[in-house]
């Protein structure tokens, strides 16, 4: 049995003003209260989300392959990647720290990129709108926690500066990783979840014409 989805406001020609929240007929083109331009859906939402997500996916590889931390001391210069730092904490039996960094800096970015691509696919196919809407809400909330690794580097660079004894500097991966987090956050913001429901709504049957019998 096919699921029933109530008719959307967009199907009735009603648009929600993104500036003040007023619902108005799309024929007016501009909101009569604040003057903002009216749109049934966020313009180019899907295209922007895909572009931002693919950019984050490309930057994710240098973010994990390049060193995120550079330590200079009497023993020489040592560099560490995100995964290398997780392994070092685990070998040092700092299991909680290793788990937190792995979850926030490795697992969450990957899952968020996969979730965003899945949401874009759902916006075209309209599969499981209830589940996809919940996935969008979760993706929007937890994505910001992947910034914890950048915060750790920033704190170390600001605090652990002991002159000629030891020096800690951010590696090239820090910029790439911060870019991944920012791009995925922007992708979640630009995505319009109403597109999922638009795609899931049943399409009207084609109009019958006498030529169809021939």
N, C-alpha and C. Protein backbone atom coordinates (compact mmCIF):
# COMPACT_ATOMS: atom_id res chain seq x y z
N UNK A 1 0.85 -1.20 0.00
CA UNK A 1 0.00 0.00 0.00
C UNK A 1 0.88 1.24 0.00
N UNK A 2 0.65 2.15 -0.89
CA UNK A 2 1.48 3.35 -1.01
C UNK A 2 1.20 4.29 0.16
N UNK A 3 2.24 4.95 0.64
CA UNK A 3 2.10 5.89 1.73
C UNK A 3 1.45 7.17 1.22
N UNK A 4 0.65 7.78 2.12
CA UNK A 4 -0.02 9.02 1.78
C UNK A 4 0.72 10.19 2.40
N UNK A 5 1.06 11.18 1.57
CA UNK A 5 1.73 12.37 2.05
C UNK A 5 0.83 13.57 1.77
N UNK A 6 0.47 14.33 2.81
CA UNK A 6 -0.40 15.48 2.60
C UNK A 6 0.22 16.46 1.59
N UNK A 7 -0.63 17.19 0.93
CA UNK A 7 -0.18 18.15 -0.07
C UNK A 7 0.66 19.24 0.59
N UNK A 8 1.77 19.57 -0.01
CA UNK A 8 2.67 20.58 0.55
C UNK A 8 2.16 21.98 0.25
N UNK A 9 2.70 22.95 1.01
CA UNK A 9 2.35 24.35 0.76
C UNK A 9 2.83 24.79 -0.61
N UNK A 10 3.98 24.26 -1.04
CA UNK A 10 4.52 24.62 -2.35
C UNK A 10 3.58 24.17 -3.47
N UNK A 11 2.93 23.01 -3.27
CA UNK A 11 1.98 22.53 -4.28
C UNK A 11 0.77 23.45 -4.39
N UNK A 12 0.50 24.19 -3.32
CA UNK A 12 -0.61 25.16 -3.34
C UNK A 12 -0.14 26.56 -3.72
N UNK A 13 1.13 26.68 -4.08
CA UNK A 13 1.64 27.98 -4.49
C UNK A 13 1.97 28.90 -3.34
N UNK A 14 2.23 28.34 -2.15
CA UNK A 14 2.57 29.14 -0.97
C UNK A 14 4.05 28.99 -0.66
N UNK A 15 4.70 30.11 -0.38
CA UNK A 15 6.13 30.12 -0.08
C UNK A 15 6.37 30.68 1.31
N UNK A 16 7.38 30.13 1.98
CA UNK A 16 7.77 30.61 3.30
C UNK A 16 8.93 31.60 3.15
N UNK A 17 8.76 32.81 3.63
CA UNK A 17 9.82 33.80 3.54
C UNK A 17 10.99 33.37 4.41
N UNK A 18 12.19 33.28 3.84
CA UNK A 18 13.36 32.82 4.58
C UNK A 18 13.86 33.87 5.57
N UNK A 19 13.39 35.11 5.42
CA UNK A 19 13.87 36.19 6.29
C UNK A 19 13.00 36.39 7.53
N UNK A 20 11.68 36.45 7.34
CA UNK A 20 10.80 36.73 8.48
C UNK A 20 9.82 35.62 8.79
N UNK A 21 9.75 34.58 7.94
CA UNK A 21 8.90 33.43 8.22
C UNK A 21 7.45 33.58 7.80
N UNK A 22 7.11 34.64 7.11
CA UNK A 22 5.73 34.84 6.66
C UNK A 22 5.42 33.91 5.50
N UNK A 23 4.22 33.33 5.50
CA UNK A 23 3.76 32.49 4.41
C UNK A 23 2.94 33.35 3.46
N UNK A 24 3.34 33.33 2.20
CA UNK A 24 2.71 34.21 1.22
C UNK A 24 2.63 33.49 -0.12
N UNK A 25 1.70 33.90 -0.95
CA UNK A 25 1.57 33.31 -2.29
C UNK A 25 2.80 33.66 -3.12
N UNK A 26 3.29 32.66 -3.87
CA UNK A 26 4.52 32.85 -4.64
C UNK A 26 4.34 33.88 -5.76
N UNK A 27 3.10 34.12 -6.15
CA UNK A 27 2.86 35.10 -7.22
C UNK A 27 3.31 36.51 -6.84
N UNK A 28 3.40 36.77 -5.56
CA UNK A 28 3.78 38.12 -5.12
C UNK A 28 5.27 38.37 -5.33
N UNK A 29 6.06 37.31 -5.48
CA UNK A 29 7.50 37.37 -5.76
C UNK A 29 8.31 37.92 -4.59
N UNK A 30 7.80 38.91 -3.88
CA UNK A 30 8.51 39.46 -2.72
C UNK A 30 7.60 39.47 -1.50
N UNK A 31 8.21 39.28 -0.34
CA UNK A 31 7.44 39.27 0.91
C UNK A 31 6.90 40.67 1.18
N UNK A 32 5.58 40.81 1.43
CA UNK A 32 5.03 42.14 1.68
C UNK A 32 5.45 42.73 3.03
N UNK A 33 5.99 41.89 3.92
CA UNK A 33 6.38 42.39 5.23
C UNK A 33 7.83 42.87 5.27
N UNK A 34 8.78 42.06 4.72
CA UNK A 34 10.19 42.44 4.82
C UNK A 34 10.83 42.74 3.46
N UNK A 35 10.13 42.43 2.38
CA UNK A 35 10.65 42.74 1.06
C UNK A 35 11.60 41.70 0.47
N UNK A 36 11.86 40.59 1.18
CA UNK A 36 12.76 39.56 0.67
C UNK A 36 12.11 38.81 -0.49
N UNK A 37 12.93 38.31 -1.41
CA UNK A 37 12.40 37.57 -2.55
C UNK A 37 11.90 36.21 -2.08
N UNK A 38 10.76 35.80 -2.59
CA UNK A 38 10.14 34.55 -2.20
C UNK A 38 10.60 33.41 -3.11
N UNK A 39 10.82 32.23 -2.51
CA UNK A 39 11.19 31.03 -3.25
C UNK A 39 10.41 29.87 -2.67
N UNK A 40 9.91 29.00 -3.56
CA UNK A 40 9.24 27.80 -3.07
C UNK A 40 10.24 26.88 -2.38
N UNK A 41 11.43 26.80 -2.91
CA UNK A 41 12.51 26.01 -2.32
C UNK A 41 13.80 26.81 -2.40
N UNK A 42 14.77 26.45 -1.57
CA UNK A 42 16.05 27.15 -1.57
C UNK A 42 16.69 27.03 -2.96
N UNK A 43 17.02 28.14 -3.61
CA UNK A 43 17.57 28.08 -4.97
C UNK A 43 18.87 27.30 -5.03
N UNK A 44 18.96 26.40 -6.01
CA UNK A 44 20.18 25.60 -6.26
C UNK A 44 20.66 24.87 -5.01
N UNK A 45 19.73 24.46 -4.15
CA UNK A 45 20.11 23.79 -2.90
C UNK A 45 20.87 22.49 -3.16
N UNK A 46 20.33 21.65 -4.03
CA UNK A 46 20.94 20.35 -4.27
C UNK A 46 22.30 20.50 -4.94
N UNK A 47 22.42 21.39 -5.89
CA UNK A 47 23.70 21.59 -6.59
C UNK A 47 24.78 22.09 -5.63
N UNK A 48 24.42 23.04 -4.77
CA UNK A 48 25.40 23.57 -3.82
C UNK A 48 25.82 22.50 -2.81
N UNK A 49 24.86 21.72 -2.34
CA UNK A 49 25.19 20.68 -1.37
C UNK A 49 26.12 19.64 -1.97
N UNK A 50 25.85 19.23 -3.19
CA UNK A 50 26.72 18.24 -3.85
C UNK A 50 28.12 18.81 -4.06
N UNK A 51 28.21 20.06 -4.51
CA UNK A 51 29.52 20.67 -4.76
C UNK A 51 30.32 20.80 -3.46
N UNK A 52 29.68 21.23 -2.38
CA UNK A 52 30.37 21.38 -1.10
C UNK A 52 30.79 20.03 -0.54
N UNK A 53 29.93 19.03 -0.68
CA UNK A 53 30.24 17.69 -0.15
C UNK A 53 31.39 17.05 -0.91
N UNK A 54 31.39 17.16 -2.23
CA UNK A 54 32.48 16.59 -3.02
C UNK A 54 33.80 17.32 -2.74
N UNK A 55 33.74 18.63 -2.51
CA UNK A 55 34.95 19.37 -2.13
C UNK A 55 35.49 18.89 -0.80
N UNK A 56 34.59 18.64 0.16
CA UNK A 56 35.01 18.11 1.46
C UNK A 56 35.62 16.72 1.32
N UNK A 57 35.05 15.91 0.43
CA UNK A 57 35.57 14.56 0.21
C UNK A 57 36.99 14.61 -0.35
N UNK A 58 37.24 15.54 -1.28
CA UNK A 58 38.58 15.67 -1.86
C UNK A 58 39.59 16.12 -0.81
N UNK A 59 39.20 17.08 0.03
CA UNK A 59 40.12 17.61 1.04
C UNK A 59 40.31 16.64 2.20
N UNK A 60 39.43 15.65 2.32
CA UNK A 60 39.55 14.71 3.44
C UNK A 60 40.82 13.87 3.34
N UNK A 61 41.27 13.58 2.13
CA UNK A 61 42.46 12.74 1.97
C UNK A 61 43.73 13.46 2.44
N UNK A 62 44.03 14.69 2.00
CA UNK A 62 45.21 15.36 2.57
C UNK A 62 45.07 15.64 4.06
N UNK A 63 43.83 15.80 4.54
CA UNK A 63 43.63 16.05 5.97
C UNK A 63 44.09 14.87 6.82
N UNK A 64 44.04 13.66 6.25
CA UNK A 64 44.46 12.48 7.00
C UNK A 64 45.85 11.98 6.62
N UNK A 65 46.32 12.33 5.42
CA UNK A 65 47.64 11.86 4.99
C UNK A 65 48.76 12.81 5.41
N UNK A 66 48.47 14.10 5.48
CA UNK A 66 49.49 15.08 5.88
C UNK A 66 49.55 15.20 7.40
N UNK A 67 50.69 15.64 7.94
CA UNK A 67 50.79 15.81 9.40
C UNK A 67 49.92 16.97 9.89
N UNK A 68 49.23 16.74 10.98
CA UNK A 68 48.39 17.78 11.56
C UNK A 68 49.11 18.50 12.70
N UNK A 69 50.21 17.91 13.19
CA UNK A 69 50.95 18.50 14.30
C UNK A 69 52.45 18.34 14.06
N UNK A 70 53.20 19.41 14.35
CA UNK A 70 54.65 19.41 14.18
C UNK A 70 55.29 19.85 15.49
N UNK A 71 56.10 18.97 16.08
CA UNK A 71 56.73 19.23 17.37
C UNK A 71 58.24 19.32 17.18
N UNK A 72 58.81 20.43 17.60
CA UNK A 72 60.26 20.64 17.52
C UNK A 72 60.83 20.73 18.93
N UNK A 73 61.84 19.89 19.21
CA UNK A 73 62.46 19.86 20.54
C UNK A 73 63.93 19.45 20.38
N UNK A 74 64.62 19.21 21.54
CA UNK A 74 66.01 18.77 21.49
C UNK A 74 66.15 17.43 20.78
N UNK A 75 65.10 16.61 20.84
CA UNK A 75 65.15 15.29 20.22
C UNK A 75 64.98 15.36 18.71
N UNK A 76 64.66 16.52 18.18
CA UNK A 76 64.46 16.67 16.74
C UNK A 76 63.03 17.10 16.44
N UNK A 77 62.69 16.97 15.20
CA UNK A 77 61.36 17.34 14.74
C UNK A 77 60.52 16.10 14.53
N UNK A 78 59.33 16.11 15.11
CA UNK A 78 58.42 14.99 14.98
C UNK A 78 57.08 15.50 14.42
N UNK A 79 56.53 14.73 13.51
CA UNK A 79 55.22 15.08 12.94
C UNK A 79 54.24 13.95 13.23
N UNK A 80 52.97 14.30 13.26
CA UNK A 80 51.95 13.31 13.57
C UNK A 80 50.69 13.60 12.76
N UNK A 81 50.15 12.55 12.16
CA UNK A 81 48.87 12.66 11.46
C UNK A 81 47.74 12.40 12.46
N UNK A 82 46.51 12.56 12.02
CA UNK A 82 45.38 12.31 12.91
C UNK A 82 45.33 10.86 13.33
N UNK A 83 45.44 9.96 12.37
CA UNK A 83 45.41 8.53 12.68
C UNK A 83 46.64 8.14 13.50
N UNK A 84 47.81 8.75 13.18
CA UNK A 84 49.01 8.47 13.96
C UNK A 84 48.85 8.90 15.40
N UNK A 85 48.20 10.04 15.63
CA UNK A 85 47.95 10.48 17.00
C UNK A 85 47.03 9.54 17.74
N UNK A 86 46.01 9.02 17.05
CA UNK A 86 45.11 8.05 17.68
C UNK A 86 45.87 6.79 18.08
N UNK A 87 46.77 6.33 17.20
CA UNK A 87 47.55 5.12 17.50
C UNK A 87 48.48 5.37 18.69
N UNK A 88 49.09 6.55 18.74
CA UNK A 88 49.99 6.86 19.85
C UNK A 88 49.25 6.91 21.18
N UNK A 89 48.09 7.53 21.20
CA UNK A 89 47.30 7.57 22.43
C UNK A 89 46.86 6.17 22.85
N UNK A 90 46.51 5.34 21.86
CA UNK A 90 46.07 3.98 22.18
C UNK A 90 47.23 3.15 22.73
N UNK A 91 48.41 3.30 22.13
CA UNK A 91 49.57 2.57 22.62
C UNK A 91 50.00 3.04 24.00
N UNK A 92 49.73 4.32 24.29
CA UNK A 92 50.03 4.87 25.62
C UNK A 92 48.95 4.54 26.64
N UNK A 93 47.94 3.76 26.22
CA UNK A 93 46.82 3.35 27.07
C UNK A 93 45.93 4.52 27.48
N UNK A 94 45.97 5.59 26.68
CA UNK A 94 45.02 6.69 26.88
C UNK A 94 43.80 6.40 26.00
N UNK A 95 43.09 5.34 26.36
CA UNK A 95 42.00 4.87 25.52
C UNK A 95 40.88 5.89 25.33
N UNK A 96 40.43 6.58 26.40
CA UNK A 96 39.34 7.55 26.20
C UNK A 96 39.71 8.65 25.19
N UNK A 97 40.96 9.17 25.30
CA UNK A 97 41.39 10.23 24.37
C UNK A 97 41.45 9.69 22.96
N UNK A 98 42.00 8.47 22.80
CA UNK A 98 42.10 7.87 21.46
C UNK A 98 40.72 7.66 20.85
N UNK A 99 39.77 7.22 21.66
CA UNK A 99 38.41 6.97 21.15
C UNK A 99 37.73 8.28 20.77
N UNK A 100 37.91 9.32 21.59
CA UNK A 100 37.28 10.62 21.30
C UNK A 100 37.83 11.20 20.00
N UNK A 101 39.16 11.19 19.84
CA UNK A 101 39.76 11.76 18.64
C UNK A 101 39.38 10.95 17.41
N UNK A 102 39.38 9.62 17.52
CA UNK A 102 39.00 8.79 16.38
C UNK A 102 37.54 9.03 15.99
N UNK A 103 36.67 9.12 16.99
CA UNK A 103 35.25 9.33 16.70
C UNK A 103 35.00 10.69 16.08
N UNK A 104 35.59 11.74 16.70
CA UNK A 104 35.30 13.10 16.26
C UNK A 104 36.04 13.49 14.98
N UNK A 105 37.26 12.98 14.81
CA UNK A 105 38.10 13.45 13.71
C UNK A 105 38.20 12.49 12.54
N UNK A 106 37.79 11.24 12.72
CA UNK A 106 37.88 10.26 11.63
C UNK A 106 36.48 9.75 11.26
N UNK A 107 35.76 9.24 12.25
CA UNK A 107 34.50 8.58 11.96
C UNK A 107 33.40 9.58 11.58
N UNK A 108 33.25 10.66 12.37
CA UNK A 108 32.16 11.61 12.12
C UNK A 108 32.29 12.28 10.75
N UNK A 109 33.47 12.79 10.34
CA UNK A 109 33.55 13.39 8.99
C UNK A 109 33.18 12.43 7.87
N UNK A 110 33.64 11.18 7.98
CA UNK A 110 33.32 10.19 6.95
C UNK A 110 31.82 9.92 6.91
N UNK A 111 31.23 9.69 8.08
CA UNK A 111 29.80 9.41 8.13
C UNK A 111 28.98 10.61 7.66
N UNK A 112 29.46 11.82 7.95
CA UNK A 112 28.71 13.00 7.53
C UNK A 112 28.76 13.16 6.02
N UNK A 113 29.90 12.91 5.41
CA UNK A 113 30.00 12.99 3.95
C UNK A 113 29.10 11.95 3.30
N UNK A 114 29.11 10.72 3.83
CA UNK A 114 28.24 9.67 3.29
C UNK A 114 26.77 10.06 3.46
N UNK A 115 26.43 10.61 4.63
CA UNK A 115 25.04 10.98 4.90
C UNK A 115 24.58 12.10 3.97
N UNK A 116 25.44 13.07 3.70
CA UNK A 116 25.07 14.16 2.81
C UNK A 116 24.85 13.67 1.38
N UNK A 117 25.71 12.78 0.91
CA UNK A 117 25.52 12.22 -0.42
C UNK A 117 24.25 11.38 -0.49
N UNK A 118 23.95 10.68 0.59
CA UNK A 118 22.73 9.87 0.66
C UNK A 118 21.50 10.78 0.64
N UNK A 119 21.57 11.90 1.36
CA UNK A 119 20.46 12.84 1.38
C UNK A 119 20.22 13.44 -0.01
N UNK A 120 21.31 13.74 -0.71
CA UNK A 120 21.17 14.27 -2.07
C UNK A 120 20.51 13.25 -3.00
N UNK A 121 20.86 11.99 -2.80
CA UNK A 121 20.24 10.93 -3.60
C UNK A 121 18.76 10.80 -3.26
N UNK A 122 18.44 10.91 -1.96
CA UNK A 122 17.04 10.83 -1.54
C UNK A 122 16.23 12.00 -2.06
N UNK A 123 16.87 13.16 -2.22
CA UNK A 123 16.18 14.33 -2.75
C UNK A 123 15.82 14.16 -4.23
N UNK A 124 16.49 13.24 -4.90
CA UNK A 124 16.17 12.95 -6.30
C UNK A 124 15.21 11.77 -6.43
N UNK A 125 15.35 10.77 -5.54
CA UNK A 125 14.54 9.57 -5.66
C UNK A 125 13.34 9.55 -4.73
N UNK A 126 13.43 10.28 -3.60
CA UNK A 126 12.31 10.35 -2.67
C UNK A 126 12.09 9.11 -1.83
N UNK A 127 13.13 8.31 -1.60
CA UNK A 127 13.00 7.10 -0.81
C UNK A 127 13.02 7.41 0.69
N UNK A 128 12.12 6.76 1.44
CA UNK A 128 12.09 6.82 2.91
C UNK A 128 12.20 8.27 3.43
N UNK A 129 11.24 9.11 3.15
CA UNK A 129 11.35 10.52 3.57
C UNK A 129 11.42 10.71 5.07
N UNK A 130 10.69 9.88 5.85
CA UNK A 130 10.73 10.02 7.31
C UNK A 130 12.14 9.74 7.83
N UNK A 131 12.71 8.63 7.38
CA UNK A 131 14.06 8.27 7.83
C UNK A 131 15.11 9.25 7.35
N UNK A 132 14.97 9.74 6.12
CA UNK A 132 15.94 10.70 5.60
C UNK A 132 15.86 12.04 6.33
N UNK A 133 14.66 12.42 6.75
CA UNK A 133 14.52 13.66 7.52
C UNK A 133 15.21 13.54 8.87
N UNK A 134 15.06 12.39 9.52
CA UNK A 134 15.77 12.17 10.79
C UNK A 134 17.28 12.17 10.57
N UNK A 135 17.73 11.55 9.48
CA UNK A 135 19.16 11.54 9.18
C UNK A 135 19.69 12.95 8.97
N UNK A 136 18.91 13.79 8.32
CA UNK A 136 19.33 15.19 8.11
C UNK A 136 19.48 15.91 9.44
N UNK A 137 18.55 15.72 10.36
CA UNK A 137 18.62 16.39 11.65
C UNK A 137 19.84 15.94 12.44
N UNK A 138 20.11 14.63 12.42
CA UNK A 138 21.28 14.11 13.13
C UNK A 138 22.56 14.64 12.50
N UNK A 139 22.62 14.65 11.18
CA UNK A 139 23.81 15.13 10.47
C UNK A 139 24.09 16.59 10.79
N UNK A 140 23.05 17.39 10.87
CA UNK A 140 23.22 18.81 11.15
C UNK A 140 23.72 19.06 12.56
N UNK A 141 23.34 18.19 13.51
CA UNK A 141 23.69 18.40 14.92
C UNK A 141 25.10 17.92 15.24
N UNK A 142 25.46 16.69 14.81
CA UNK A 142 26.71 16.09 15.25
C UNK A 142 27.91 16.54 14.44
N UNK A 143 27.69 17.16 13.28
CA UNK A 143 28.81 17.51 12.42
C UNK A 143 29.79 18.47 13.05
N UNK A 144 29.30 19.38 13.88
CA UNK A 144 30.18 20.38 14.48
C UNK A 144 31.19 19.77 15.45
N UNK A 145 30.91 18.56 15.98
CA UNK A 145 31.82 17.95 16.95
C UNK A 145 33.10 17.45 16.30
N UNK A 146 33.13 17.32 14.98
CA UNK A 146 34.36 16.88 14.31
C UNK A 146 35.43 17.95 14.35
N UNK A 147 35.11 19.14 14.85
CA UNK A 147 36.09 20.22 14.94
C UNK A 147 36.99 20.06 16.16
N UNK A 148 36.78 19.02 16.98
CA UNK A 148 37.51 18.88 18.24
C UNK A 148 39.01 18.74 18.00
N UNK A 149 39.41 18.08 16.90
CA UNK A 149 40.83 17.89 16.65
C UNK A 149 41.52 19.22 16.33
N UNK A 150 40.83 20.09 15.61
CA UNK A 150 41.38 21.41 15.33
C UNK A 150 41.49 22.22 16.62
N UNK A 151 40.52 22.09 17.51
CA UNK A 151 40.58 22.77 18.80
C UNK A 151 41.77 22.30 19.62
N UNK A 152 42.02 20.99 19.60
CA UNK A 152 43.17 20.45 20.36
C UNK A 152 44.47 21.04 19.84
N UNK A 153 44.63 21.10 18.52
CA UNK A 153 45.85 21.67 17.93
C UNK A 153 45.98 23.14 18.30
N UNK A 154 44.89 23.88 18.22
CA UNK A 154 44.93 25.31 18.54
C UNK A 154 45.32 25.54 20.00
N UNK A 155 44.78 24.72 20.90
CA UNK A 155 45.12 24.87 22.32
C UNK A 155 46.58 24.53 22.57
N UNK A 156 47.06 23.46 21.93
CA UNK A 156 48.47 23.08 22.12
C UNK A 156 49.40 24.16 21.60
N UNK A 157 49.09 24.71 20.43
CA UNK A 157 49.94 25.75 19.86
C UNK A 157 49.95 27.00 20.74
N UNK A 158 48.81 27.34 21.33
CA UNK A 158 48.71 28.55 22.15
C UNK A 158 49.32 28.37 23.54
N UNK A 159 49.22 27.17 24.09
CA UNK A 159 49.65 26.96 25.48
C UNK A 159 51.07 26.41 25.58
N UNK A 160 51.36 25.39 24.78
CA UNK A 160 52.65 24.70 24.92
C UNK A 160 53.69 25.41 24.05
N UNK A 161 54.10 26.57 24.44
CA UNK A 161 55.17 27.29 23.79
C UNK A 161 56.22 27.63 24.85
N UNK A 162 57.28 26.80 24.90
CA UNK A 162 58.30 26.94 25.95
C UNK A 162 59.61 27.44 25.37
N UNK A 163 59.53 28.35 24.43
CA UNK A 163 60.74 28.96 23.89
C UNK A 163 61.61 27.97 23.16
N UNK A 164 62.88 27.90 23.59
CA UNK A 164 63.85 27.03 22.91
C UNK A 164 63.74 25.58 23.33
N UNK A 165 62.93 25.27 24.35
CA UNK A 165 62.82 23.90 24.83
C UNK A 165 61.97 23.06 23.90
N UNK A 166 60.77 23.54 23.61
CA UNK A 166 59.87 22.79 22.75
C UNK A 166 58.98 23.77 22.00
N UNK A 167 58.62 23.42 20.80
CA UNK A 167 57.75 24.26 19.98
C UNK A 167 56.75 23.37 19.25
N UNK A 168 55.48 23.71 19.35
CA UNK A 168 54.41 22.95 18.68
C UNK A 168 53.73 23.84 17.66
N UNK A 169 53.66 23.37 16.44
CA UNK A 169 53.05 24.13 15.35
C UNK A 169 52.05 23.26 14.61
N UNK A 170 50.99 23.87 14.08
CA UNK A 170 50.02 23.09 13.29
C UNK A 170 50.63 22.66 11.97
N UNK A 171 50.30 21.44 11.54
CA UNK A 171 50.78 20.94 10.26
C UNK A 171 49.87 21.35 9.12
N UNK A 172 50.24 20.94 7.92
CA UNK A 172 49.46 21.30 6.74
C UNK A 172 48.07 20.67 6.75
N UNK A 173 47.91 19.56 7.47
CA UNK A 173 46.61 18.90 7.50
C UNK A 173 45.58 19.68 8.30
N UNK A 174 46.04 20.57 9.19
CA UNK A 174 45.09 21.31 10.02
C UNK A 174 44.16 22.17 9.16
N UNK A 175 44.72 22.83 8.15
CA UNK A 175 43.90 23.66 7.27
C UNK A 175 42.94 22.81 6.44
N UNK A 176 43.44 21.68 5.95
CA UNK A 176 42.58 20.80 5.16
C UNK A 176 41.46 20.23 6.00
N UNK A 177 41.78 19.83 7.23
CA UNK A 177 40.77 19.24 8.09
C UNK A 177 39.72 20.27 8.49
N UNK A 178 40.18 21.49 8.83
CA UNK A 178 39.23 22.55 9.16
C UNK A 178 38.33 22.87 7.97
N UNK A 179 38.90 22.81 6.76
CA UNK A 179 38.10 23.06 5.56
C UNK A 179 37.05 21.96 5.37
N UNK A 180 37.43 20.71 5.66
CA UNK A 180 36.46 19.61 5.55
C UNK A 180 35.28 19.85 6.48
N UNK A 181 35.57 20.22 7.73
CA UNK A 181 34.50 20.45 8.71
C UNK A 181 33.61 21.60 8.28
N UNK A 182 34.22 22.69 7.85
CA UNK A 182 33.44 23.87 7.45
C UNK A 182 32.60 23.57 6.21
N UNK A 183 33.18 22.88 5.24
CA UNK A 183 32.44 22.57 4.02
C UNK A 183 31.25 21.65 4.28
N UNK A 184 31.43 20.65 5.15
CA UNK A 184 30.31 19.77 5.47
C UNK A 184 29.23 20.49 6.26
N UNK A 185 29.63 21.41 7.13
CA UNK A 185 28.64 22.22 7.85
C UNK A 185 27.85 23.10 6.89
N UNK A 186 28.54 23.72 5.94
CA UNK A 186 27.85 24.54 4.94
C UNK A 186 26.95 23.69 4.05
N UNK A 187 27.40 22.48 3.73
CA UNK A 187 26.59 21.59 2.90
C UNK A 187 25.29 21.22 3.61
N UNK A 188 25.37 20.97 4.91
CA UNK A 188 24.16 20.66 5.68
C UNK A 188 23.23 21.86 5.76
N UNK A 189 23.81 23.06 5.84
CA UNK A 189 22.99 24.27 5.93
C UNK A 189 22.29 24.56 4.60
N UNK A 190 23.00 24.37 3.49
CA UNK A 190 22.42 24.69 2.18
C UNK A 190 21.42 23.64 1.71
N UNK A 191 21.47 22.44 2.27
CA UNK A 191 20.54 21.39 1.84
C UNK A 191 19.13 21.71 2.31
N UNK A 192 18.18 21.61 1.42
CA UNK A 192 16.77 21.86 1.73
C UNK A 192 16.07 20.52 1.88
N UNK A 193 15.75 20.09 3.12
CA UNK A 193 15.14 18.76 3.32
C UNK A 193 13.75 18.64 2.71
N UNK A 194 13.12 19.74 2.36
CA UNK A 194 11.80 19.67 1.74
C UNK A 194 11.86 19.02 0.37
N UNK A 195 13.06 19.03 -0.24
CA UNK A 195 13.21 18.38 -1.54
C UNK A 195 12.96 16.87 -1.44
N UNK A 196 13.26 16.28 -0.28
CA UNK A 196 13.02 14.85 -0.09
C UNK A 196 11.54 14.55 -0.18
N UNK A 197 10.73 15.41 0.47
CA UNK A 197 9.29 15.21 0.46
C UNK A 197 8.69 15.52 -0.91
N UNK A 198 9.27 16.48 -1.61
CA UNK A 198 8.80 16.76 -2.97
C UNK A 198 9.01 15.55 -3.87
N UNK A 199 10.17 14.91 -3.74
CA UNK A 199 10.46 13.74 -4.57
C UNK A 199 9.62 12.54 -4.17
N UNK A 200 9.24 12.47 -2.87
CA UNK A 200 8.46 11.33 -2.38
C UNK A 200 6.98 11.47 -2.69
N UNK A 201 6.51 12.68 -2.96
CA UNK A 201 5.09 12.90 -3.25
C UNK A 201 4.70 12.18 -4.53
N UNK A 202 3.55 11.55 -4.55
CA UNK A 202 3.13 10.84 -5.77
C UNK A 202 2.93 11.80 -6.92
N UNK A 203 3.44 11.41 -8.08
CA UNK A 203 3.31 12.24 -9.27
C UNK A 203 1.95 12.03 -9.91
N UNK A 204 1.33 13.09 -10.42
CA UNK A 204 0.03 12.93 -11.06
C UNK A 204 0.14 12.09 -12.32
N UNK A 205 -0.88 11.29 -12.61
CA UNK A 205 -0.82 10.45 -13.83
C UNK A 205 -0.82 11.31 -15.07
N UNK A 206 -0.21 10.84 -16.15
CA UNK A 206 -0.19 11.63 -17.39
C UNK A 206 -1.60 11.82 -17.94
N UNK A 207 -1.80 12.97 -18.51
CA UNK A 207 -3.10 13.28 -19.07
C UNK A 207 -3.37 12.41 -20.29
N UNK A 208 -4.63 11.94 -20.41
CA UNK A 208 -5.02 11.07 -21.52
C UNK A 208 -5.36 11.93 -22.73
N UNK A 209 -4.84 11.53 -23.84
CA UNK A 209 -5.17 12.20 -25.12
C UNK A 209 -5.64 11.13 -26.09
N UNK A 210 -6.46 11.51 -27.04
CA UNK A 210 -6.95 10.52 -28.02
C UNK A 210 -5.82 9.85 -28.79
N UNK A 211 -4.68 10.51 -28.97
CA UNK A 211 -3.58 9.91 -29.73
C UNK A 211 -2.98 8.72 -29.03
N UNK A 212 -3.22 8.58 -27.68
CA UNK A 212 -2.63 7.48 -26.93
C UNK A 212 -3.22 6.14 -27.37
N UNK A 213 -4.42 6.13 -27.94
CA UNK A 213 -5.03 4.88 -28.36
C UNK A 213 -4.41 4.34 -29.64
N UNK A 214 -3.77 5.20 -30.41
CA UNK A 214 -3.23 4.79 -31.69
C UNK A 214 -1.90 4.05 -31.54
